[in-house]
Amino acid sequence: MWEISNKYNIMQEQDGKYIFGVVKVGDKGQIVIPRDARKQYDIKPGDSLMVLGDQKGMAFIKTEVFQGLIDQAMEGLSK
């Protein structure tokens, strides 16, 4: 069960899943990725992130991680 101790400053882990907090969208559509999330996923200034989504919401993944997943899938198809 998730434990939410503070509405805005959360970093709880359960089964490898995290809640890092709440962010606000600025006038230009920008958000600030919480420091703990940047540290956990090694996100540095200048990194490119792919934005994925479905009817339930959206997620971010580093482009090189996504490319690695695609490469693995393609290798599996060629065997």
PDB file of N, CA and C in Angstrom:
ATOM      1  N   MET A   1       0.845  -1.180   0.000  1.00  0.00           N
ATOM      2  CA  MET A   1       0.000   0.000   0.000  1.00  0.00           C
ATOM      3  C   MET A   1       0.890   1.243   0.000  1.00  0.00           C
ATOM      4  N   TRP A   2       0.502   2.230  -0.800  1.00  0.00           N
ATOM      5  CA  TRP A   2       1.259   3.488  -0.854  1.00  0.00           C
ATOM      6  C   TRP A   2       1.070   4.271   0.431  1.00  0.00           C
ATOM      7  N   GLU A   3       2.122   4.885   0.875  1.00  0.00           N
ATOM      8  CA  GLU A   3       2.045   5.805   2.000  1.00  0.00           C
ATOM      9  C   GLU A   3       2.333   7.198   1.488  1.00  0.00           C
ATOM     10  N   ILE A   4       1.354   8.064   1.579  1.00  0.00           N
ATOM     11  CA  ILE A   4       1.539   9.438   1.129  1.00  0.00           C
ATOM     12  C   ILE A   4       1.605  10.315   2.367  1.00  0.00           C
ATOM     13  N   SER A   5       2.804  10.826   2.623  1.00  0.00           N
ATOM     14  CA  SER A   5       3.022  11.570   3.853  1.00  0.00           C
ATOM     15  C   SER A   5       2.905  13.075   3.674  1.00  0.00           C
ATOM     16  N   ASN A   6       3.094  13.555   2.461  1.00  0.00           N
ATOM     17  CA  ASN A   6       3.072  14.994   2.226  1.00  0.00           C
ATOM     18  C   ASN A   6       2.568  15.213   0.809  1.00  0.00           C
ATOM     19  N   LYS A   7       1.584  16.032   0.649  1.00  0.00           N
ATOM     20  CA  LYS A   7       0.938  16.218  -0.651  1.00  0.00           C
ATOM     21  C   LYS A   7       1.900  16.629  -1.754  1.00  0.00           C
ATOM     22  N   TYR A   8       2.946  17.379  -1.432  1.00  0.00           N
ATOM     23  CA  TYR A   8       3.806  17.919  -2.477  1.00  0.00           C
ATOM     24  C   TYR A   8       5.238  17.405  -2.472  1.00  0.00           C
ATOM     25  N   ASN A   9       5.658  16.693  -1.470  1.00  0.00           N
ATOM     26  CA  ASN A   9       7.050  16.271  -1.386  1.00  0.00           C
ATOM     27  C   ASN A   9       7.128  14.775  -1.128  1.00  0.00           C
ATOM     28  N   ILE A  10       6.839  13.985  -2.142  1.00  0.00           N
ATOM     29  CA  ILE A  10       6.717  12.547  -1.969  1.00  0.00           C
ATOM     30  C   ILE A  10       7.797  11.829  -2.763  1.00  0.00           C
ATOM     31  N   MET A  11       8.419  10.849  -2.148  1.00  0.00           N
ATOM     32  CA  MET A  11       9.211   9.902  -2.924  1.00  0.00           C
ATOM     33  C   MET A  11       9.064   8.560  -2.229  1.00  0.00           C
ATOM     34  N   GLN A  12       8.004   7.882  -2.536  1.00  0.00           N
ATOM     35  CA  GLN A  12       7.752   6.565  -1.980  1.00  0.00           C
ATOM     36  C   GLN A  12       7.993   5.550  -3.078  1.00  0.00           C
ATOM     37  N   GLU A  13       8.482   4.386  -2.683  1.00  0.00           N
ATOM     38  CA  GLU A  13       8.735   3.321  -3.647  1.00  0.00           C
ATOM     39  C   GLU A  13       7.942   2.107  -3.235  1.00  0.00           C
ATOM     40  N   GLN A  14       7.282   1.511  -4.212  1.00  0.00           N
ATOM     41  CA  GLN A  14       6.589   0.253  -3.993  1.00  0.00           C
ATOM     42  C   GLN A  14       6.704  -0.570  -5.254  1.00  0.00           C
ATOM     43  N   ASP A  15       7.276  -1.730  -5.133  1.00  0.00           N
ATOM     44  CA  ASP A  15       7.413  -2.626  -6.283  1.00  0.00           C
ATOM     45  C   ASP A  15       8.085  -1.951  -7.468  1.00  0.00           C
ATOM     46  N   GLY A  16       9.092  -1.113  -7.200  1.00  0.00           N
ATOM     47  CA  GLY A  16       9.824  -0.451  -8.270  1.00  0.00           C
ATOM     48  C   GLY A  16       9.100   0.725  -8.894  1.00  0.00           C
ATOM     49  N   LYS A  17       8.019   1.180  -8.292  1.00  0.00           N
ATOM     50  CA  LYS A  17       7.261   2.329  -8.813  1.00  0.00           C
ATOM     51  C   LYS A  17       7.367   3.470  -7.817  1.00  0.00           C
ATOM     52  N   TYR A  18       7.408   4.675  -8.325  1.00  0.00           N
ATOM     53  CA  TYR A  18       7.638   5.845  -7.483  1.00  0.00           C
ATOM     54  C   TYR A  18       6.568   6.907  -7.684  1.00  0.00           C
ATOM     55  N   ILE A  19       6.361   7.679  -6.640  1.00  0.00           N
ATOM     56  CA  ILE A  19       5.624   8.939  -6.725  1.00  0.00           C
ATOM     57  C   ILE A  19       6.615   9.999  -6.283  1.00  0.00           C
ATOM     58  N   PHE A  20       6.928  10.933  -7.170  1.00  0.00           N
ATOM     59  CA  PHE A  20       7.945  11.938  -6.859  1.00  0.00           C
ATOM     60  C   PHE A  20       7.360  13.268  -6.421  1.00  0.00           C
ATOM     61  N   GLY A  21       6.083  13.471  -6.574  1.00  0.00           N
ATOM     62  CA  GLY A  21       5.479  14.715  -6.149  1.00  0.00           C
ATOM     63  C   GLY A  21       4.545  15.269  -7.203  1.00  0.00           C
ATOM     64  N   VAL A  22       4.178  16.503  -7.014  1.00  0.00           N
ATOM     65  CA  VAL A  22       3.260  17.209  -7.901  1.00  0.00           C
ATOM     66  C   VAL A  22       4.018  18.351  -8.562  1.00  0.00           C
ATOM     67  N   VAL A  23       3.829  18.516  -9.865  1.00  0.00           N
ATOM     68  CA  VAL A  23       4.444  19.636 -10.574  1.00  0.00           C
ATOM     69  C   VAL A  23       3.348  20.467 -11.217  1.00  0.00           C
ATOM     70  N   LYS A  24       3.650  21.731 -11.440  1.00  0.00           N
ATOM     71  CA  LYS A  24       2.710  22.623 -12.121  1.00  0.00           C
ATOM     72  C   LYS A  24       3.222  22.911 -13.519  1.00  0.00           C
ATOM     73  N   VAL A  25       2.301  23.076 -14.439  1.00  0.00           N
ATOM     74  CA  VAL A  25       2.629  23.412 -15.815  1.00  0.00           C
ATOM     75  C   VAL A  25       2.687  24.931 -15.923  1.00  0.00           C
ATOM     76  N   GLY A  26       3.811  25.432 -16.463  1.00  0.00           N
ATOM     77  CA  GLY A  26       3.974  26.868 -16.637  1.00  0.00           C
ATOM     78  C   GLY A  26       3.248  27.380 -17.874  1.00  0.00           C
ATOM     79  N   ASP A  27       3.323  28.674 -18.096  1.00  0.00           N
ATOM     80  CA  ASP A  27       2.650  29.323 -19.223  1.00  0.00           C
ATOM     81  C   ASP A  27       3.052  28.746 -20.569  1.00  0.00           C
ATOM     82  N   LYS A  28       4.291  28.314 -20.694  1.00  0.00           N
ATOM     83  CA  LYS A  28       4.791  27.760 -21.958  1.00  0.00           C
ATOM     84  C   LYS A  28       4.663  26.242 -22.020  1.00  0.00           C
ATOM     85  N   GLY A  29       3.923  25.639 -21.071  1.00  0.00           N
ATOM     86  CA  GLY A  29       3.752  24.195 -21.059  1.00  0.00           C
ATOM     87  C   GLY A  29       4.910  23.453 -20.423  1.00  0.00           C
ATOM     88  N   GLN A  30       5.797  24.167 -19.767  1.00  0.00           N
ATOM     89  CA  GLN A  30       6.975  23.544 -19.168  1.00  0.00           C
ATOM     90  C   GLN A  30       6.681  23.052 -17.757  1.00  0.00           C
ATOM     91  N   ILE A  31       7.393  21.978 -17.370  1.00  0.00           N
ATOM     92  CA  ILE A  31       7.353  21.494 -15.997  1.00  0.00           C
ATOM     93  C   ILE A  31       8.781  21.355 -15.503  1.00  0.00           C
ATOM     94  N   VAL A  32       8.936  21.309 -14.199  1.00  0.00           N
ATOM     95  CA  VAL A  32      10.229  21.019 -13.597  1.00  0.00           C
ATOM     96  C   VAL A  32      10.148  19.596 -13.069  1.00  0.00           C
ATOM     97  N   ILE A  33      11.033  18.733 -13.546  1.00  0.00           N
ATOM     98  CA  ILE A  33      11.080  17.354 -13.074  1.00  0.00           C
ATOM     99  C   ILE A  33      11.709  17.379 -11.687  1.00  0.00           C
ATOM    100  N   PRO A  34      11.045  16.800 -10.689  1.00  0.00           N
ATOM    101  CA  PRO A  34      11.582  16.834  -9.329  1.00  0.00           C
ATOM    102  C   PRO A  34      13.009  16.279  -9.256  1.00  0.00           C
ATOM    103  N   ARG A  35      13.807  16.882  -8.390  1.00  0.00           N
ATOM    104  CA  ARG A  35      15.212  16.514  -8.229  1.00  0.00           C
ATOM    105  C   ARG A  35      15.396  15.017  -7.977  1.00  0.00           C
ATOM    106  N   ASP A  36      14.575  14.444  -7.092  1.00  0.00           N
ATOM    107  CA  ASP A  36      14.712  13.020  -6.790  1.00  0.00           C
ATOM    108  C   ASP A  36      14.453  12.155  -8.024  1.00  0.00           C
ATOM    109  N   ALA A  37      13.526  12.573  -8.873  1.00  0.00           N
ATOM    110  CA  ALA A  37      13.254  11.829 -10.113  1.00  0.00           C
ATOM    111  C   ALA A  37      14.440  11.957 -11.067  1.00  0.00           C
ATOM    112  N   ARG A  38      14.987  13.177 -11.190  1.00  0.00           N
ATOM    113  CA  ARG A  38      16.156  13.364 -12.062  1.00  0.00           C
ATOM    114  C   ARG A  38      17.321  12.503 -11.593  1.00  0.00           C
ATOM    115  N   LYS A  39      17.512  12.432 -10.282  1.00  0.00           N
ATOM    116  CA  LYS A  39      18.605  11.632  -9.726  1.00  0.00           C
ATOM    117  C   LYS A  39      18.352  10.140  -9.962  1.00  0.00           C
ATOM    118  N   GLN A  40      17.139   9.672  -9.692  1.00  0.00           N
ATOM    119  CA  GLN A  40      16.803   8.254  -9.856  1.00  0.00           C
ATOM    120  C   GLN A  40      17.019   7.782 -11.289  1.00  0.00           C
ATOM    121  N   TYR A  41      16.660   8.629 -12.267  1.00  0.00           N
ATOM    122  CA  TYR A  41      16.735   8.233 -13.672  1.00  0.00           C
ATOM    123  C   TYR A  41      17.899   8.880 -14.417  1.00  0.00           C
ATOM    124  N   ASP A  42      18.823   9.487 -13.667  1.00  0.00           N
ATOM    125  CA  ASP A  42      20.036  10.081 -14.235  1.00  0.00           C
ATOM    126  C   ASP A  42      19.716  11.050 -15.377  1.00  0.00           C
ATOM    127  N   ILE A  43      18.774  11.933 -15.131  1.00  0.00           N
ATOM    128  CA  ILE A  43      18.392  12.940 -16.129  1.00  0.00           C
ATOM    129  C   ILE A  43      19.228  14.188 -15.880  1.00  0.00           C
ATOM    130  N   LYS A  44      19.959  14.584 -16.911  1.00  0.00           N
ATOM    131  CA  LYS A  44      20.858  15.737 -16.824  1.00  0.00           C
ATOM    132  C   LYS A  44      20.373  16.843 -17.767  1.00  0.00           C
ATOM    133  N   PRO A  45      20.790  18.088 -17.532  1.00  0.00           N
ATOM    134  CA  PRO A  45      20.436  19.168 -18.466  1.00  0.00           C
ATOM    135  C   PRO A  45      20.873  18.805 -19.884  1.00  0.00           C
ATOM    136  N   GLY A  46      20.013  19.025 -20.842  1.00  0.00           N
ATOM    137  CA  GLY A  46      20.317  18.724 -22.236  1.00  0.00           C
ATOM    138  C   GLY A  46      19.865  17.344 -22.687  1.00  0.00           C
ATOM    139  N   ASP A  47      19.509  16.460 -21.743  1.00  0.00           N
ATOM    140  CA  ASP A  47      19.013  15.137 -22.129  1.00  0.00           C
ATOM    141  C   ASP A  47      17.701  15.277 -22.899  1.00  0.00           C
ATOM    142  N   SER A  48      17.471  14.344 -23.812  1.00  0.00           N
ATOM    143  CA  SER A  48      16.210  14.304 -24.554  1.00  0.00           C
ATOM    144  C   SER A  48      15.310  13.249 -23.937  1.00  0.00           C
ATOM    145  N   LEU A  49      14.054  13.613 -23.762  1.00  0.00           N
ATOM    146  CA  LEU A  49      13.064  12.689 -23.223  1.00  0.00           C
ATOM    147  C   LEU A  49      11.951  12.491 -24.234  1.00  0.00           C
ATOM    148  N   MET A  50      11.488  11.258 -24.370  1.00  0.00           N
ATOM    149  CA  MET A  50      10.343  10.962 -25.214  1.00  0.00           C
ATOM    150  C   MET A  50       9.112  11.013 -24.320  1.00  0.00           C
ATOM    151  N   VAL A  51       8.040  11.598 -24.826  1.00  0.00           N
ATOM    152  CA  VAL A  51       6.795  11.681 -24.080  1.00  0.00           C
ATOM    153  C   VAL A  51       5.851  10.623 -24.642  1.00  0.00           C
ATOM    154  N   LEU A  52       5.427   9.715 -23.786  1.00  0.00           N
ATOM    155  CA  LEU A  52       4.518   8.638 -24.168  1.00  0.00           C
ATOM    156  C   LEU A  52       3.195   8.855 -23.452  1.00  0.00           C
ATOM    157  N   GLY A  53       2.115   8.364 -24.015  1.00  0.00           N
ATOM    158  CA  GLY A  53       0.840   8.520 -23.337  1.00  0.00           C
ATOM    159  C   GLY A  53      -0.231   7.600 -23.861  1.00  0.00           C
ATOM    160  N   ASP A  54      -1.272   7.483 -23.068  1.00  0.00           N
ATOM    161  CA  ASP A  54      -2.474   6.779 -23.467  1.00  0.00           C
ATOM    162  C   ASP A  54      -3.666   7.508 -22.834  1.00  0.00           C
ATOM    163  N   GLN A  55      -4.812   6.856 -22.784  1.00  0.00           N
ATOM    164  CA  GLN A  55      -6.004   7.506 -22.248  1.00  0.00           C
ATOM    165  C   GLN A  55      -5.891   7.818 -20.756  1.00  0.00           C
ATOM    166  N   LYS A  56      -5.012   7.111 -20.059  1.00  0.00           N
ATOM    167  CA  LYS A  56      -4.884   7.282 -18.607  1.00  0.00           C
ATOM    168  C   LYS A  56      -3.896   8.357 -18.199  1.00  0.00           C
ATOM    169  N   GLY A  57      -2.935   8.687 -19.071  1.00  0.00           N
ATOM    170  CA  GLY A  57      -1.942   9.679 -18.680  1.00  0.00           C
ATOM    171  C   GLY A  57      -0.724   9.641 -19.568  1.00  0.00           C
ATOM    172  N   MET A  58       0.368  10.208 -19.059  1.00  0.00           N
ATOM    173  CA  MET A  58       1.595  10.277 -19.844  1.00  0.00           C
ATOM    174  C   MET A  58       2.793   9.881 -18.998  1.00  0.00           C
ATOM    175  N   ALA A  59       3.881   9.566 -19.705  1.00  0.00           N
ATOM    176  CA  ALA A  59       5.132   9.193 -19.046  1.00  0.00           C
ATOM    177  C   ALA A  59       6.285   9.712 -19.884  1.00  0.00           C
ATOM    178  N   PHE A  60       7.430   9.868 -19.250  1.00  0.00           N
ATOM    179  CA  PHE A  60       8.646  10.312 -19.915  1.00  0.00           C
ATOM    180  C   PHE A  60       9.681   9.203 -19.845  1.00  0.00           C
ATOM    181  N   ILE A  61      10.473   9.039 -20.900  1.00  0.00           N
ATOM    182  CA  ILE A  61      11.562   8.075 -20.911  1.00  0.00           C
ATOM    183  C   ILE A  61      12.718   8.701 -21.687  1.00  0.00           C
ATOM    184  N   LYS A  62      13.935   8.495 -21.184  1.00  0.00           N
ATOM    185  CA  LYS A  62      15.098   9.023 -21.906  1.00  0.00           C
ATOM    186  C   LYS A  62      15.148   8.378 -23.287  1.00  0.00           C
ATOM    187  N   THR A  63      15.474   9.164 -24.296  1.00  0.00           N
ATOM    188  CA  THR A  63      15.448   8.649 -25.664  1.00  0.00           C
ATOM    189  C   THR A  63      16.416   7.495 -25.853  1.00  0.00           C
ATOM    190  N   GLU A  64      17.587   7.531 -25.177  1.00  0.00           N
ATOM    191  CA  GLU A  64      18.528   6.431 -25.358  1.00  0.00           C
ATOM    192  C   GLU A  64      18.015   5.141 -24.719  1.00  0.00           C
ATOM    193  N   VAL A  65      17.252   5.252 -23.648  1.00  0.00           N
ATOM    194  CA  VAL A  65      16.646   4.066 -23.033  1.00  0.00           C
ATOM    195  C   VAL A  65      15.587   3.498 -23.974  1.00  0.00           C
ATOM    196  N   PHE A  66      14.764   4.382 -24.530  1.00  0.00           N
ATOM    197  CA  PHE A  66      13.734   3.945 -25.472  1.00  0.00           C
ATOM    198  C   PHE A  66      14.370   3.281 -26.691  1.00  0.00           C
ATOM    199  N   GLN A  67      15.429   3.884 -27.216  1.00  0.00           N
ATOM    200  CA  GLN A  67      16.118   3.309 -28.376  1.00  0.00           C
ATOM    201  C   GLN A  67      16.669   1.928 -28.044  1.00  0.00           C
ATOM    202  N   GLY A  68      17.199   1.753 -26.833  1.00  0.00           N
ATOM    203  CA  GLY A  68      17.696   0.451 -26.410  1.00  0.00           C
ATOM    204  C   GLY A  68      16.595  -0.601 -26.395  1.00  0.00           C
ATOM    205  N   LEU A  69      15.401  -0.211 -25.960  1.00  0.00           N
ATOM    206  CA  LEU A  69      14.268  -1.137 -25.963  1.00  0.00           C
ATOM    207  C   LEU A  69      13.870  -1.520 -27.389  1.00  0.00           C
ATOM    208  N   ILE A  70      13.873  -0.535 -28.281  1.00  0.00           N
ATOM    209  CA  ILE A  70      13.546  -0.799 -29.685  1.00  0.00           C
ATOM    210  C   ILE A  70      14.597  -1.732 -30.292  1.00  0.00           C
ATOM    211  N   ASP A  71      15.870  -1.464 -30.019  1.00  0.00           N
ATOM    212  CA  ASP A  71      16.950  -2.313 -30.544  1.00  0.00           C
ATOM    213  C   ASP A  71      16.794  -3.755 -30.063  1.00  0.00           C
ATOM    214  N   GLN A  72      16.468  -3.930 -28.782  1.00  0.00           N
ATOM    215  CA  GLN A  72      16.267  -5.281 -28.247  1.00  0.00           C
ATOM    216  C   GLN A  72      15.108  -5.975 -28.951  1.00  0.00           C
ATOM    217  N   ALA A  73      14.021  -5.255 -29.161  1.00  0.00           N
ATOM    218  CA  ALA A  73      12.859  -5.829 -29.827  1.00  0.00           C
ATOM    219  C   ALA A  73      13.206  -6.227 -31.258  1.00  0.00           C
ATOM    220  N   MET A  74      13.967  -5.395 -31.946  1.00  0.00           N
ATOM    221  CA  MET A  74      14.345  -5.688 -33.322  1.00  0.00           C
ATOM    222  C   MET A  74      15.270  -6.897 -33.387  1.00  0.00           C
ATOM    223  N   GLU A  75      16.178  -7.036 -32.416  1.00  0.00           N
ATOM    224  CA  GLU A  75      17.060  -8.201 -32.368  1.00  0.00           C
ATOM    225  C   GLU A  75      16.243  -9.473 -32.210  1.00  0.00           C
ATOM    226  N   GLY A  76      15.220  -9.406 -31.361  1.00  0.00           N
ATOM    227  CA  GLY A  76      14.372 -10.557 -31.135  1.00  0.00           C
ATOM    228  C   GLY A  76      13.615 -10.963 -32.390  1.00  0.00           C
ATOM    229  N   LEU A  77      13.256 -10.006 -33.223  1.00  0.00           N
ATOM    230  CA  LEU A  77      12.540 -10.306 -34.472  1.00  0.00           C
ATOM    231  C   LEU A  77      13.455 -10.935 -35.512  1.00  0.00           C
ATOM    232  N   SER A  78      14.742 -10.585 -35.468  1.00  0.00           N
ATOM    233  CA  SER A  78      15.657 -11.090 -36.499  1.00  0.00           C
ATOM    234  C   SER A  78      16.196 -12.486 -36.159  1.00  0.00           C
ATOM    235  N   LYS A  79      15.881 -13.026 -34.990  1.00  0.00           N
ATOM    236  CA  LYS A  79      16.389 -14.354 -34.613  1.00  0.00           C
ATOM    237  C   LYS A  79      15.475 -15.441 -35.114  1.00  0.00           C
TER     238      LYS A  79
END
